[in-house]
Structures are given as structure tokens and as C-alpha cells.
Amino acid sequence: MQFFHDLVILFTRCPQIGKCKSRLIPSLGAKGALKVHKQLVSHILKVLNPVQEERPFTG
């Protein structure tokens, strides 16, 4: 059995207005909360990208 020591799984919600970052909706509105969600996911993917380049998936 092969073990994955450097595995990252990112779970996130589908970016739909009113469906993500719902606790931020009262202060930012549904569109603002959606924008924050997209920015956070984008940031995480940018941070993880160098890791992917260093250790690409070899399936």
C-alpha cells in the first residue's frame, strides 16, 4: 500500500451567491461574502501552487 505523506485536499463550497461565507452576509451582503470566498480560495490555490510544481501529481 502506498502512503501519501504530502497530500493536501482542499474542501470548499461552490461559489454561489448566498451559499458561502453566510456568516459574513449580514455585514458584507451576499455579493461581498461571495467575493471574500473567491479571494480566500484563490489565495489558498496560489500558496499551494509552488508545492504542486515541486511535487507534481504522477498518478
C-alpha atoms as a PDB file:
ATOM      1  CA  MET A   1       0.000   0.000   0.000  1.00  0.00           C
ATOM      2  CA  GLN A   2       1.321   3.427  -0.951  1.00  0.00           C
ATOM      3  CA  PHE A   3       1.095   6.166   1.665  1.00  0.00           C
ATOM      4  CA  PHE A   4       0.672   9.819   0.804  1.00  0.00           C
ATOM      5  CA  HIS A   5       2.802  11.893   3.142  1.00  0.00           C
ATOM      6  CA  ASP A   6       2.430  15.222   1.349  1.00  0.00           C
ATOM      7  CA  LEU A   7      -1.209  15.144   0.365  1.00  0.00           C
ATOM      8  CA  VAL A   8      -3.388  18.247   0.536  1.00  0.00           C
ATOM      9  CA  ILE A   9      -7.125  18.048  -0.008  1.00  0.00           C
ATOM     10  CA  LEU A  10      -8.985  21.338  -0.283  1.00  0.00           C
ATOM     11  CA  PHE A  11     -12.672  21.227   0.577  1.00  0.00           C
ATOM     12  CA  THR A  12     -14.621  24.311  -0.368  1.00  0.00           C
ATOM     13  CA  ARG A  13     -18.149  25.313  -1.230  1.00  0.00           C
ATOM     14  CA  CYS A  14     -19.282  26.000  -4.750  1.00  0.00           C
ATOM     15  CA  PRO A  15     -19.036  29.784  -5.205  1.00  0.00           C
ATOM     16  CA  GLN A  16     -22.746  30.636  -5.352  1.00  0.00           C
ATOM     17  CA  ILE A  17     -24.205  33.847  -4.053  1.00  0.00           C
ATOM     18  CA  GLY A  18     -25.820  33.334  -0.665  1.00  0.00           C
ATOM     19  CA  LYS A  19     -24.374  29.815  -0.276  1.00  0.00           C
ATOM     20  CA  CYS A  20     -20.876  30.530   1.023  1.00  0.00           C
ATOM     21  CA  LYS A  21     -19.490  32.607   3.906  1.00  0.00           C
ATOM     22  CA  SER A  22     -23.058  33.002   5.146  1.00  0.00           C
ATOM     23  CA  ARG A  23     -21.996  34.488   8.489  1.00  0.00           C
ATOM     24  CA  LEU A  24     -20.460  37.407   6.604  1.00  0.00           C
ATOM     25  CA  ILE A  25     -23.651  38.184   4.693  1.00  0.00           C
ATOM     26  CA  PRO A  26     -25.177  40.452   7.382  1.00  0.00           C
ATOM     27  CA  SER A  27     -22.148  42.756   7.334  1.00  0.00           C
ATOM     28  CA  LEU A  28     -20.937  42.425   3.724  1.00  0.00           C
ATOM     29  CA  GLY A  29     -24.037  41.403   1.833  1.00  0.00           C
ATOM     30  CA  ALA A  30     -24.327  38.240  -0.246  1.00  0.00           C
ATOM     31  CA  LYS A  31     -22.157  39.610  -3.060  1.00  0.00           C
ATOM     32  CA  GLY A  32     -19.484  40.771  -0.625  1.00  0.00           C
ATOM     33  CA  ALA A  33     -19.390  37.392   1.107  1.00  0.00           C
ATOM     34  CA  LEU A  34     -19.075  35.666  -2.259  1.00  0.00           C
ATOM     35  CA  LYS A  35     -16.195  37.976  -3.170  1.00  0.00           C
ATOM     36  CA  VAL A  36     -14.385  37.135   0.098  1.00  0.00           C
ATOM     37  CA  HIS A  37     -14.911  33.416  -0.530  1.00  0.00           C
ATOM     38  CA  LYS A  38     -13.444  33.651  -4.035  1.00  0.00           C
ATOM     39  CA  GLN A  39     -10.474  35.681  -2.765  1.00  0.00           C
ATOM     40  CA  LEU A  40      -9.722  33.175   0.011  1.00  0.00           C
ATOM     41  CA  VAL A  41      -9.894  30.159  -2.310  1.00  0.00           C
ATOM     42  CA  SER A  42      -7.742  31.960  -4.871  1.00  0.00           C
ATOM     43  CA  HIS A  43      -5.150  32.774  -2.195  1.00  0.00           C
ATOM     44  CA  ILE A  44      -5.028  29.164  -0.980  1.00  0.00           C
ATOM     45  CA  LEU A  45      -4.531  27.898  -4.549  1.00  0.00           C
ATOM     46  CA  LYS A  46      -1.715  30.410  -5.132  1.00  0.00           C
ATOM     47  CA  VAL A  47       0.002  29.284  -1.927  1.00  0.00           C
ATOM     48  CA  LEU A  48      -0.334  25.618  -2.890  1.00  0.00           C
ATOM     49  CA  ASN A  49       0.801  26.085  -6.492  1.00  0.00           C
ATOM     50  CA  PRO A  50       4.561  26.062  -5.691  1.00  0.00           C
ATOM     51  CA  VAL A  51       4.042  22.808  -3.796  1.00  0.00           C
ATOM     52  CA  GLN A  52       2.374  21.287  -6.855  1.00  0.00           C
ATOM     53  CA  GLU A  53       5.237  22.426  -9.105  1.00  0.00           C
ATOM     54  CA  GLU A  54       7.770  20.960  -6.686  1.00  0.00           C
ATOM     55  CA  ARG A  55       5.959  17.620  -6.366  1.00  0.00           C
ATOM     56  CA  PRO A  56       3.641  17.159  -9.357  1.00  0.00           C
ATOM     57  CA  PHE A  57       0.956  14.503  -9.377  1.00  0.00           C
ATOM     58  CA  THR A  58       2.235  11.409 -11.150  1.00  0.00           C
ATOM     59  CA  GLY A  59      -0.996   9.378 -10.980  1.00  0.00           C
END
